[in-house]
All heavy atoms as atom14 arrays in JSON, in Angstrom:
{
  "sequence": "EIERTTQVIVDTVRNMLGETLGPLLPALEAVLAQQGLSAEALRSALR",
  "atom14_mask": [
    [1, 1, 1, 1, 1, 1, 1, 1, 1, 0, 0, 0, 0, 0],
    [1, 1, 1, 1, 1, 1, 1, 1, 0, 0, 0, 0, 0, 0],
    [1, 1, 1, 1, 1, 1, 1, 1, 1, 0, 0, 0, 0, 0],
    [1, 1, 1, 1, 1, 1, 1, 1, 1, 1, 1, 0, 0, 0],
    [1, 1, 1, 1, 1, 1, 1, 0, 0, 0, 0, 0, 0, 0],
    [1, 1, 1, 1, 1, 1, 1, 0, 0, 0, 0, 0, 0, 0],
    [1, 1, 1, 1, 1, 1, 1, 1, 1, 0, 0, 0, 0, 0],
    [1, 1, 1, 1, 1, 1, 1, 0, 0, 0, 0, 0, 0, 0],
    [1, 1, 1, 1, 1, 1, 1, 1, 0, 0, 0, 0, 0, 0],
    [1, 1, 1, 1, 1, 1, 1, 0, 0, 0, 0, 0, 0, 0],
    [1, 1, 1, 1, 1, 1, 1, 1, 0, 0, 0, 0, 0, 0],
    [1, 1, 1, 1, 1, 1, 1, 0, 0, 0, 0, 0, 0, 0],
    [1, 1, 1, 1, 1, 1, 1, 0, 0, 0, 0, 0, 0, 0],
    [1, 1, 1, 1, 1, 1, 1, 1, 1, 1, 1, 0, 0, 0],
    [1, 1, 1, 1, 1, 1, 1, 1, 0, 0, 0, 0, 0, 0],
    [1, 1, 1, 1, 1, 1, 1, 1, 0, 0, 0, 0, 0, 0],
    [1, 1, 1, 1, 1, 1, 1, 1, 0, 0, 0, 0, 0, 0],
    [1, 1, 1, 1, 0, 0, 0, 0, 0, 0, 0, 0, 0, 0],
    [1, 1, 1, 1, 1, 1, 1, 1, 1, 0, 0, 0, 0, 0],
    [1, 1, 1, 1, 1, 1, 1, 0, 0, 0, 0, 0, 0, 0],
    [1, 1, 1, 1, 1, 1, 1, 1, 0, 0, 0, 0, 0, 0],
    [1, 1, 1, 1, 0, 0, 0, 0, 0, 0, 0, 0, 0, 0],
    [1, 1, 1, 1, 1, 1, 1, 0, 0, 0, 0, 0, 0, 0],
    [1, 1, 1, 1, 1, 1, 1, 1, 0, 0, 0, 0, 0, 0],
    [1, 1, 1, 1, 1, 1, 1, 1, 0, 0, 0, 0, 0, 0],
    [1, 1, 1, 1, 1, 1, 1, 0, 0, 0, 0, 0, 0, 0],
    [1, 1, 1, 1, 1, 0, 0, 0, 0, 0, 0, 0, 0, 0],
    [1, 1, 1, 1, 1, 1, 1, 1, 0, 0, 0, 0, 0, 0],
    [1, 1, 1, 1, 1, 1, 1, 1, 1, 0, 0, 0, 0, 0],
    [1, 1, 1, 1, 1, 0, 0, 0, 0, 0, 0, 0, 0, 0],
    [1, 1, 1, 1, 1, 1, 1, 0, 0, 0, 0, 0, 0, 0],
    [1, 1, 1, 1, 1, 1, 1, 1, 0, 0, 0, 0, 0, 0],
    [1, 1, 1, 1, 1, 0, 0, 0, 0, 0, 0, 0, 0, 0],
    [1, 1, 1, 1, 1, 1, 1, 1, 1, 0, 0, 0, 0, 0],
    [1, 1, 1, 1, 1, 1, 1, 1, 1, 0, 0, 0, 0, 0],
    [1, 1, 1, 1, 0, 0, 0, 0, 0, 0, 0, 0, 0, 0],
    [1, 1, 1, 1, 1, 1, 1, 1, 0, 0, 0, 0, 0, 0],
    [1, 1, 1, 1, 1, 1, 0, 0, 0, 0, 0, 0, 0, 0],
    [1, 1, 1, 1, 1, 0, 0, 0, 0, 0, 0, 0, 0, 0],
    [1, 1, 1, 1, 1, 1, 1, 1, 1, 0, 0, 0, 0, 0],
    [1, 1, 1, 1, 1, 0, 0, 0, 0, 0, 0, 0, 0, 0],
    [1, 1, 1, 1, 1, 1, 1, 1, 0, 0, 0, 0, 0, 0],
    [1, 1, 1, 1, 1, 1, 1, 1, 1, 1, 1, 0, 0, 0],
    [1, 1, 1, 1, 1, 1, 0, 0, 0, 0, 0, 0, 0, 0],
    [1, 1, 1, 1, 1, 0, 0, 0, 0, 0, 0, 0, 0, 0],
    [1, 1, 1, 1, 1, 1, 1, 1, 0, 0, 0, 0, 0, 0],
    [1, 1, 1, 1, 1, 1, 1, 1, 1, 1, 1, 0, 0, 0]
  ],
  "atom14_positions": [
    [[9.18, 16.28, -15.2], [8.38, 16.98, -14.19], [6.91, 16.7, -14.49], [6.42, 17.02, -15.57], [8.63, 18.49, -14.21], [7.8, 19.25, -13.17], [7.99, 20.76, -13.23], [9.07, 21.22, -13.65], [7.04, 21.48, -12.86], [0.0, 0.0, 0.0], [0.0, 0.0, 0.0], [0.0, 0.0, 0.0], [0.0, 0.0, 0.0], [0.0, 0.0, 0.0]],
    [[6.22, 16.08, -13.54], [4.82, 15.76, -13.75], [3.98, 17.03, -13.61], [4.41, 18.03, -13.02], [4.33, 14.69, -12.77], [4.55, 15.14, -11.32], [5.04, 13.36, -13.04], [4.01, 14.17, -10.31], [0.0, 0.0, 0.0], [0.0, 0.0, 0.0], [0.0, 0.0, 0.0], [0.0, 0.0, 0.0], [0.0, 0.0, 0.0], [0.0, 0.0, 0.0]],
    [[2.78, 16.98, -14.16], [1.87, 18.13, -14.11], [1.27, 18.22, -12.71], [0.68, 17.27, -12.21], [0.79, 17.96, -15.18], [0.12, 19.25, -15.61], [-1.04, 19.59, -14.69], [-1.82, 18.68, -14.37], [-1.14, 20.76, -14.29], [0.0, 0.0, 0.0], [0.0, 0.0, 0.0], [0.0, 0.0, 0.0], [0.0, 0.0, 0.0], [0.0, 0.0, 0.0]],
    [[1.44, 19.37, -12.06], [1.11, 19.5, -10.64], [-0.37, 19.33, -10.33], [-0.73, 18.73, -9.3], [1.6, 20.84, -10.1], [3.1, 20.97, -10.11], [3.76, 19.99, -9.13], [5.21, 19.99, -9.34], [5.95, 18.91, -9.39], [5.4, 17.72, -9.25], [7.25, 18.98, -9.6], [0.0, 0.0, 0.0], [0.0, 0.0, 0.0], [0.0, 0.0, 0.0]],
    [[-1.24, 19.84, -11.18], [-2.67, 19.69, -10.9], [-3.06, 18.22, -10.9], [-3.82, 17.76, -10.05], [-3.49, 20.46, -11.94], [-3.14, 21.85, -11.91], [-4.98, 20.33, -11.65], [0.0, 0.0, 0.0], [0.0, 0.0, 0.0], [0.0, 0.0, 0.0], [0.0, 0.0, 0.0], [0.0, 0.0, 0.0], [0.0, 0.0, 0.0], [0.0, 0.0, 0.0]],
    [[-2.52, 17.47, -11.86], [-2.79, 16.04, -11.92], [-2.29, 15.36, -10.64], [-2.99, 14.51, -10.06], [-2.09, 15.4, -13.13], [-2.59, 16.01, -14.31], [-2.35, 13.91, -13.19], [0.0, 0.0, 0.0], [0.0, 0.0, 0.0], [0.0, 0.0, 0.0], [0.0, 0.0, 0.0], [0.0, 0.0, 0.0], [0.0, 0.0, 0.0], [0.0, 0.0, 0.0]],
    [[-1.1, 15.73, -10.17], [-0.56, 15.14, -8.96], [-1.46, 15.42, -7.76], [-1.74, 14.51, -6.96], [0.84, 15.68, -8.68], [1.49, 15.06, -7.44], [2.83, 15.68, -7.1], [3.09, 16.82, -7.46], [3.67, 14.94, -6.43], [0.0, 0.0, 0.0], [0.0, 0.0, 0.0], [0.0, 0.0, 0.0], [0.0, 0.0, 0.0], [0.0, 0.0, 0.0]],
    [[-1.93, 16.65, -7.63], [-2.79, 17.0, -6.5], [-4.09, 16.21, -6.52], [-4.53, 15.67, -5.5], [-3.09, 18.53, -6.5], [-4.18, 18.86, -5.5], [-1.83, 19.32, -6.2], [0.0, 0.0, 0.0], [0.0, 0.0, 0.0], [0.0, 0.0, 0.0], [0.0, 0.0, 0.0], [0.0, 0.0, 0.0], [0.0, 0.0, 0.0], [0.0, 0.0, 0.0]],
    [[-4.7, 16.09, -7.7], [-5.96, 15.35, -7.81], [-5.76, 13.88, -7.46], [-6.51, 13.29, -6.67], [-6.55, 15.5, -9.22], [-7.0, 16.94, -9.46], [-7.72, 14.54, -9.43], [-7.41, 17.23, -10.89], [0.0, 0.0, 0.0], [0.0, 0.0, 0.0], [0.0, 0.0, 0.0], [0.0, 0.0, 0.0], [0.0, 0.0, 0.0], [0.0, 0.0, 0.0]],
    [[-4.72, 13.28, -8.05], [-4.47, 11.85, -7.81], [-4.18, 11.59, -6.33], [-4.74, 10.68, -5.72], [-3.31, 11.35, -8.68], [-2.87, 9.95, -8.26], [-3.72, 11.34, -10.15], [0.0, 0.0, 0.0], [0.0, 0.0, 0.0], [0.0, 0.0, 0.0], [0.0, 0.0, 0.0], [0.0, 0.0, 0.0], [0.0, 0.0, 0.0], [0.0, 0.0, 0.0]],
    [[-3.31, 12.41, -5.73], [-2.95, 12.2, -4.33], [-4.15, 12.42, -3.41], [-4.33, 11.7, -2.41], [-1.8, 13.12, -3.93], [-0.47, 12.66, -4.5], [-0.4, 11.53, -5.0], [0.5, 13.45, -4.46], [0.0, 0.0, 0.0], [0.0, 0.0, 0.0], [0.0, 0.0, 0.0], [0.0, 0.0, 0.0], [0.0, 0.0, 0.0], [0.0, 0.0, 0.0]],
    [[-4.98, 13.42, -3.73], [-6.16, 13.68, -2.91], [-7.13, 12.51, -2.96], [-7.65, 12.07, -1.92], [-6.87, 14.96, -3.38], [-5.98, 16.08, -3.26], [-8.12, 15.23, -2.55], [0.0, 0.0, 0.0], [0.0, 0.0, 0.0], [0.0, 0.0, 0.0], [0.0, 0.0, 0.0], [0.0, 0.0, 0.0], [0.0, 0.0, 0.0], [0.0, 0.0, 0.0]],
    [[-7.4, 11.99, -4.15], [-8.31, 10.86, -4.3], [-7.76, 9.63, -3.58], [-8.49, 8.91, -2.88], [-8.56, 10.55, -5.79], [-9.31, 9.24, -5.96], [-9.32, 11.69, -6.44], [0.0, 0.0, 0.0], [0.0, 0.0, 0.0], [0.0, 0.0, 0.0], [0.0, 0.0, 0.0], [0.0, 0.0, 0.0], [0.0, 0.0, 0.0], [0.0, 0.0, 0.0]],
    [[-6.46, 9.38, -3.72], [-5.85, 8.22, -3.06], [-5.95, 8.35, -1.53], [-6.23, 7.38, -0.83], [-4.4, 8.07, -3.5], [-4.24, 7.53, -4.91], [-2.79, 7.65, -5.38], [-1.9, 6.89, -4.51], [-1.64, 5.59, -4.63], [-2.23, 4.9, -5.59], [-0.81, 4.99, -3.82], [0.0, 0.0, 0.0], [0.0, 0.0, 0.0], [0.0, 0.0, 0.0]],
    [[-5.71, 9.55, -1.02], [-5.81, 9.74, 0.42], [-7.24, 9.55, 0.92], [-7.47, 8.95, 1.98], [-5.31, 11.14, 0.8], [-3.8, 11.28, 0.64], [-3.08, 10.29, 0.65], [-3.34, 12.49, 0.46], [0.0, 0.0, 0.0], [0.0, 0.0, 0.0], [0.0, 0.0, 0.0], [0.0, 0.0, 0.0], [0.0, 0.0, 0.0], [0.0, 0.0, 0.0]],
    [[-8.21, 10.07, 0.15], [-9.61, 9.91, 0.54], [-10.02, 8.43, 0.54], [-10.72, 7.96, 1.45], [-10.51, 10.71, -0.4], [-10.37, 12.22, -0.24], [-11.4, 13.12, -1.44], [-13.04, 12.56, -0.95], [0.0, 0.0, 0.0], [0.0, 0.0, 0.0], [0.0, 0.0, 0.0], [0.0, 0.0, 0.0], [0.0, 0.0, 0.0], [0.0, 0.0, 0.0]],
    [[-9.57, 7.71, -0.49], [-9.89, 6.28, -0.54], [-9.25, 5.53, 0.61], [-9.85, 4.63, 1.21], [-9.42, 5.69, -1.87], [-10.24, 6.03, -3.11], [-9.56, 5.51, -4.36], [-11.65, 5.44, -2.99], [0.0, 0.0, 0.0], [0.0, 0.0, 0.0], [0.0, 0.0, 0.0], [0.0, 0.0, 0.0], [0.0, 0.0, 0.0], [0.0, 0.0, 0.0]],
    [[-8.0, 5.92, 0.91], [-7.32, 5.26, 2.03], [-8.04, 5.48, 3.35], [-8.2, 4.55, 4.15], [0.0, 0.0, 0.0], [0.0, 0.0, 0.0], [0.0, 0.0, 0.0], [0.0, 0.0, 0.0], [0.0, 0.0, 0.0], [0.0, 0.0, 0.0], [0.0, 0.0, 0.0], [0.0, 0.0, 0.0], [0.0, 0.0, 0.0], [0.0, 0.0, 0.0]],
    [[-8.5, 6.73, 3.58], [-9.21, 7.04, 4.82], [-10.56, 6.33, 4.88], [-11.0, 5.89, 5.94], [-9.39, 8.55, 4.94], [-8.09, 9.31, 5.14], [-8.29, 10.82, 5.1], [-9.45, 11.24, 4.97], [-7.29, 11.55, 5.22], [0.0, 0.0, 0.0], [0.0, 0.0, 0.0], [0.0, 0.0, 0.0], [0.0, 0.0, 0.0], [0.0, 0.0, 0.0]],
    [[-11.22, 6.23, 3.71], [-12.57, 5.63, 3.68], [-12.52, 4.12, 3.75], [-13.28, 3.48, 4.5], [-13.3, 6.06, 2.4], [-13.36, 7.49, 2.35], [-14.71, 5.49, 2.37], [0.0, 0.0, 0.0], [0.0, 0.0, 0.0], [0.0, 0.0, 0.0], [0.0, 0.0, 0.0], [0.0, 0.0, 0.0], [0.0, 0.0, 0.0], [0.0, 0.0, 0.0]],
    [[-11.61, 3.53, 2.96], [-11.58, 2.08, 2.86], [-10.64, 1.41, 3.86], [-10.74, 0.2, 4.07], [-11.18, 1.67, 1.44], [-12.12, 2.09, 0.32], [-11.59, 1.61, -1.02], [-13.52, 1.53, 0.56], [0.0, 0.0, 0.0], [0.0, 0.0, 0.0], [0.0, 0.0, 0.0], [0.0, 0.0, 0.0], [0.0, 0.0, 0.0], [0.0, 0.0, 0.0]],
    [[-9.75, 2.21, 4.45], [-8.79, 1.63, 5.37], [-9.4, 0.75, 6.45], [-9.01, -0.41, 6.63], [0.0, 0.0, 0.0], [0.0, 0.0, 0.0], [0.0, 0.0, 0.0], [0.0, 0.0, 0.0], [0.0, 0.0, 0.0], [0.0, 0.0, 0.0], [0.0, 0.0, 0.0], [0.0, 0.0, 0.0], [0.0, 0.0, 0.0], [0.0, 0.0, 0.0]],
    [[-10.41, 1.24, 7.19], [-11.02, 0.4, 8.23], [-11.74, -0.83, 7.68], [-12.0, -1.78, 8.42], [-12.04, 1.36, 8.89], [-11.52, 2.73, 8.58], [-10.92, 2.61, 7.21], [0.0, 0.0, 0.0], [0.0, 0.0, 0.0], [0.0, 0.0, 0.0], [0.0, 0.0, 0.0], [0.0, 0.0, 0.0], [0.0, 0.0, 0.0], [0.0, 0.0, 0.0]],
    [[-12.08, -0.8, 6.38], [-12.81, -1.92, 5.8], [-11.9, -2.96, 5.17], [-12.37, -3.97, 4.65], [-13.77, -1.4, 4.72], [-14.83, -0.38, 5.17], [-15.63, 0.1, 3.98], [-15.74, -0.99, 6.23], [0.0, 0.0, 0.0], [0.0, 0.0, 0.0], [0.0, 0.0, 0.0], [0.0, 0.0, 0.0], [0.0, 0.0, 0.0], [0.0, 0.0, 0.0]],
    [[-10.58, -2.72, 5.21], [-9.65, -3.61, 4.54], [-9.76, -5.08, 4.98], [-9.79, -5.98, 4.14], [-8.21, -3.13, 4.73], [-7.67, -2.19, 3.65], [-6.24, -1.78, 3.99], [-7.72, -2.83, 2.28], [0.0, 0.0, 0.0], [0.0, 0.0, 0.0], [0.0, 0.0, 0.0], [0.0, 0.0, 0.0], [0.0, 0.0, 0.0], [0.0, 0.0, 0.0]],
    [[-9.84, -5.36, 6.28], [-9.95, -6.77, 6.67], [-11.15, -7.46, 6.04], [-11.05, -8.6, 5.57], [-10.07, -6.7, 8.2], [-9.36, -5.43, 8.56], [-9.7, -4.48, 7.46], [0.0, 0.0, 0.0], [0.0, 0.0, 0.0], [0.0, 0.0, 0.0], [0.0, 0.0, 0.0], [0.0, 0.0, 0.0], [0.0, 0.0, 0.0], [0.0, 0.0, 0.0]],
    [[-12.3, -6.77, 6.02], [-13.5, -7.38, 5.43], [-13.34, -7.55, 3.92], [-13.73, -8.58, 3.35], [-14.73, -6.52, 5.74], [0.0, 0.0, 0.0], [0.0, 0.0, 0.0], [0.0, 0.0, 0.0], [0.0, 0.0, 0.0], [0.0, 0.0, 0.0], [0.0, 0.0, 0.0], [0.0, 0.0, 0.0], [0.0, 0.0, 0.0], [0.0, 0.0, 0.0]],
    [[-12.74, -6.55, 3.27], [-12.55, -6.64, 1.83], [-11.57, -7.76, 1.48], [-11.76, -8.49, 0.51], [-12.02, -5.31, 1.29], [-13.01, -4.13, 1.3], [-12.29, -2.84, 0.96], [-14.15, -4.37, 0.32], [0.0, 0.0, 0.0], [0.0, 0.0, 0.0], [0.0, 0.0, 0.0], [0.0, 0.0, 0.0], [0.0, 0.0, 0.0], [0.0, 0.0, 0.0]],
    [[-10.54, -7.9, 2.27], [-9.57, -8.97, 2.03], [-10.22, -10.35, 2.19], [-9.92, -11.29, 1.45], [-8.38, -8.82, 2.97], [-7.49, -7.63, 2.62], [-6.38, -7.42, 3.64], [-6.43, -8.07, 4.71], [-5.46, -6.64, 3.36], [0.0, 0.0, 0.0], [0.0, 0.0, 0.0], [0.0, 0.0, 0.0], [0.0, 0.0, 0.0], [0.0, 0.0, 0.0]],
    [[-11.11, -10.46, 3.18], [-11.8, -11.74, 3.39], [-12.67, -12.09, 2.19], [-12.7, -13.25, 1.74], [-12.65, -11.66, 4.66], [0.0, 0.0, 0.0], [0.0, 0.0, 0.0], [0.0, 0.0, 0.0], [0.0, 0.0, 0.0], [0.0, 0.0, 0.0], [0.0, 0.0, 0.0], [0.0, 0.0, 0.0], [0.0, 0.0, 0.0], [0.0, 0.0, 0.0]],
    [[-13.35, -11.07, 1.64], [-14.19, -11.3, 0.46], [-13.33, -11.72, -0.74], [-13.66, -12.66, -1.48], [-15.02, -10.04, 0.11], [-15.73, -10.21, -1.22], [-16.02, -9.76, 1.22], [0.0, 0.0, 0.0], [0.0, 0.0, 0.0], [0.0, 0.0, 0.0], [0.0, 0.0, 0.0], [0.0, 0.0, 0.0], [0.0, 0.0, 0.0], [0.0, 0.0, 0.0]],
    [[-12.2, -11.01, -0.93], [-11.3, -11.36, -2.04], [-10.75, -12.77, -1.88], [-10.64, -13.52, -2.85], [-10.15, -10.35, -2.1], [-10.5, -8.94, -2.57], [-9.32, -8.0, -2.4], [-10.96, -8.94, -4.02], [0.0, 0.0, 0.0], [0.0, 0.0, 0.0], [0.0, 0.0, 0.0], [0.0, 0.0, 0.0], [0.0, 0.0, 0.0], [0.0, 0.0, 0.0]],
    [[-10.41, -13.13, -0.63], [-9.87, -14.46, -0.38], [-10.9, -15.55, -0.72], [-10.55, -16.6, -1.27], [-9.44, -14.59, 1.08], [0.0, 0.0, 0.0], [0.0, 0.0, 0.0], [0.0, 0.0, 0.0], [0.0, 0.0, 0.0], [0.0, 0.0, 0.0], [0.0, 0.0, 0.0], [0.0, 0.0, 0.0], [0.0, 0.0, 0.0], [0.0, 0.0, 0.0]],
    [[-12.17, -15.28, -0.43], [-13.22, -16.24, -0.77], [-13.33, -16.45, -2.27], [-13.72, -17.52, -2.74], [-14.56, -15.76, -0.21], [-14.66, -15.82, 1.3], [-15.95, -15.22, 1.82], [-16.8, -14.78, 1.05], [-16.12, -15.2, 3.15], [0.0, 0.0, 0.0], [0.0, 0.0, 0.0], [0.0, 0.0, 0.0], [0.0, 0.0, 0.0], [0.0, 0.0, 0.0]],
    [[-12.97, -15.41, -3.02], [-13.03, -15.49, -4.48], [-11.71, -16.0, -5.07], [-11.55, -16.06, -6.29], [-13.36, -14.12, -5.08], [-14.67, -13.53, -4.59], [-15.85, -14.38, -4.99], [-15.91, -14.89, -6.11], [-16.8, -14.55, -4.07], [0.0, 0.0, 0.0], [0.0, 0.0, 0.0], [0.0, 0.0, 0.0], [0.0, 0.0, 0.0], [0.0, 0.0, 0.0]],
    [[-10.78, -16.32, -4.2], [-9.48, -16.81, -4.67], [-8.6, -15.72, -5.23], [-7.71, -15.99, -6.05], [0.0, 0.0, 0.0], [0.0, 0.0, 0.0], [0.0, 0.0, 0.0], [0.0, 0.0, 0.0], [0.0, 0.0, 0.0], [0.0, 0.0, 0.0], [0.0, 0.0, 0.0], [0.0, 0.0, 0.0], [0.0, 0.0, 0.0], [0.0, 0.0, 0.0]],
    [[-8.82, -14.47, -4.81], [-8.06, -13.33, -5.33], [-7.14, -12.78, -4.25], [-7.43, -12.87, -3.06], [-9.01, -12.23, -5.81], [-10.0, -12.64, -6.92], [-10.97, -11.5, -7.19], [-9.25, -13.01, -8.18], [0.0, 0.0, 0.0], [0.0, 0.0, 0.0], [0.0, 0.0, 0.0], [0.0, 0.0, 0.0], [0.0, 0.0, 0.0], [0.0, 0.0, 0.0]],
    [[-6.01, -12.16, -4.7], [-5.06, -11.57, -3.77], [-5.49, -10.15, -3.42], [-6.03, -9.42, -4.25], [-3.66, -11.55, -4.4], [-2.78, -10.78, -3.61], [0.0, 0.0, 0.0], [0.0, 0.0, 0.0], [0.0, 0.0, 0.0], [0.0, 0.0, 0.0], [0.0, 0.0, 0.0], [0.0, 0.0, 0.0], [0.0, 0.0, 0.0], [0.0, 0.0, 0.0]],
    [[-5.22, -9.78, -2.18], [-5.55, -8.43, -1.72], [-4.4, -7.45, -1.93], [-4.52, -6.28, -1.62], [-5.93, -8.45, -0.24], [0.0, 0.0, 0.0], [0.0, 0.0, 0.0], [0.0, 0.0, 0.0], [0.0, 0.0, 0.0], [0.0, 0.0, 0.0], [0.0, 0.0, 0.0], [0.0, 0.0, 0.0], [0.0, 0.0, 0.0], [0.0, 0.0, 0.0]],
    [[-3.28, -7.92, -2.48], [-2.1, -7.06, -2.62], [-2.37, -5.87, -3.53], [-1.91, -4.75, -3.26], [-0.92, -7.86, -3.16], [0.38, -7.07, -3.25], [0.79, -6.47, -1.92], [0.53, -7.09, -0.87], [1.37, -5.37, -1.94], [0.0, 0.0, 0.0], [0.0, 0.0, 0.0], [0.0, 0.0, 0.0], [0.0, 0.0, 0.0], [0.0, 0.0, 0.0]],
    [[-3.12, -6.1, -4.61], [-3.42, -5.0, -5.52], [-4.22, -3.91, -4.81], [-4.01, -2.72, -5.03], [-4.19, -5.51, -6.74], [0.0, 0.0, 0.0], [0.0, 0.0, 0.0], [0.0, 0.0, 0.0], [0.0, 0.0, 0.0], [0.0, 0.0, 0.0], [0.0, 0.0, 0.0], [0.0, 0.0, 0.0], [0.0, 0.0, 0.0], [0.0, 0.0, 0.0]],
    [[-5.16, -4.33, -3.96], [-5.96, -3.35, -3.21], [-5.07, -2.57, -2.25], [-5.18, -1.36, -2.14], [-7.07, -4.09, -2.46], [-7.99, -3.21, -1.6], [-8.72, -2.19, -2.46], [-8.99, -4.09, -0.85], [0.0, 0.0, 0.0], [0.0, 0.0, 0.0], [0.0, 0.0, 0.0], [0.0, 0.0, 0.0], [0.0, 0.0, 0.0], [0.0, 0.0, 0.0]],
    [[-4.17, -3.26, -1.57], [-3.28, -2.59, -0.64], [-2.36, -1.61, -1.37], [-2.13, -0.49, -0.91], [-2.43, -3.61, 0.13], [-3.2, -4.38, 1.19], [-2.28, -5.23, 2.05], [-3.0, -5.84, 3.14], [-3.28, -5.24, 4.29], [-2.87, -3.98, 4.48], [-3.94, -5.86, 5.25], [0.0, 0.0, 0.0], [0.0, 0.0, 0.0], [0.0, 0.0, 0.0]],
    [[-1.86, -2.0, -2.54], [-0.98, -1.13, -3.32], [-1.7, 0.14, -3.76], [-1.11, 1.22, -3.77], [-0.45, -1.89, -4.55], [0.33, -2.98, -4.15], [0.0, 0.0, 0.0], [0.0, 0.0, 0.0], [0.0, 0.0, 0.0], [0.0, 0.0, 0.0], [0.0, 0.0, 0.0], [0.0, 0.0, 0.0], [0.0, 0.0, 0.0], [0.0, 0.0, 0.0]],
    [[-2.97, 0.01, -4.11], [-3.73, 1.17, -4.58], [-3.93, 2.2, -3.48], [-4.11, 3.39, -3.75], [-5.09, 0.72, -5.11], [0.0, 0.0, 0.0], [0.0, 0.0, 0.0], [0.0, 0.0, 0.0], [0.0, 0.0, 0.0], [0.0, 0.0, 0.0], [0.0, 0.0, 0.0], [0.0, 0.0, 0.0], [0.0, 0.0, 0.0], [0.0, 0.0, 0.0]],
    [[-3.88, 1.75, -2.22], [-4.13, 2.65, -1.11], [-2.86, 3.19, -0.47], [-2.92, 3.96, 0.46], [-4.97, 1.92, -0.04], [-6.36, 1.46, -0.5], [-7.06, 0.72, 0.62], [-7.2, 2.63, -1.0], [0.0, 0.0, 0.0], [0.0, 0.0, 0.0], [0.0, 0.0, 0.0], [0.0, 0.0, 0.0], [0.0, 0.0, 0.0], [0.0, 0.0, 0.0]],
    [[-1.71, 2.76, -0.98], [-0.43, 3.25, -0.4], [-0.13, 4.65, -0.87], [-0.45, 5.01, -1.98], [0.71, 2.29, -0.8], [0.65, 0.98, -0.04], [1.68, 0.01, -0.56], [1.52, -1.31, 0.05], [1.95, -2.43, -0.47], [2.58, -2.43, -1.62], [1.76, -3.58, 0.14], [0.0, 0.0, 0.0], [0.0, 0.0, 0.0], [0.0, 0.0, 0.0]]
  ]
}
């Protein structure tokens, strides 16, 4: 059983990041692609 306060904090931060960065994903992926990096890690962090 995970510690509930930790779960709430982590889920809240992830949701806020998803809402903030979601519209910027195409631009961020383009920048990562220019650097030869995969965007999958970024997408996973926002799921």
